[in-house]
């Protein structure tokens, strides 16, 4: 409908070629948008199927904000290696109450292949204590 209006109004005002070209552009844009929407749907479905197929899963995710130091302590563990010789690690980043503000590592500790949540909680809390007491400088 809009194309017909463009053609008619263009011819009546003397700029029919410009309006016709714009209408063709709009039609092509709609087609590209529909194709992009379909591709995006396929990507989302692929990602969801990978998640469902048991790709790497996070087993532990501990986060503690230490306001007096302005840092976040993050301990994670996965069911597969996340780096050479480790499935679990603790990292410290700068941040505020709303979250991490600088993803540059201030401190790193590997926990090897430990994925036991209770053991990692102990290690996480020990690192938090050491940072608070100044044994680990960040």
Foldseek 3Di string as FASTA:
>chain_A
DVLVVLQVVCVVVVNNVVSNVVVVVVVVVVVVVVVVVVVVVVVVVVVVVCVVVDDKDKLDWDWDADAVQQKIKIKTAIPDDPDPQARIKIFMAGHHPVDGDGPDTPDIDGPGHDRDHVVSVVVSVVVVVCPVVVVRDD
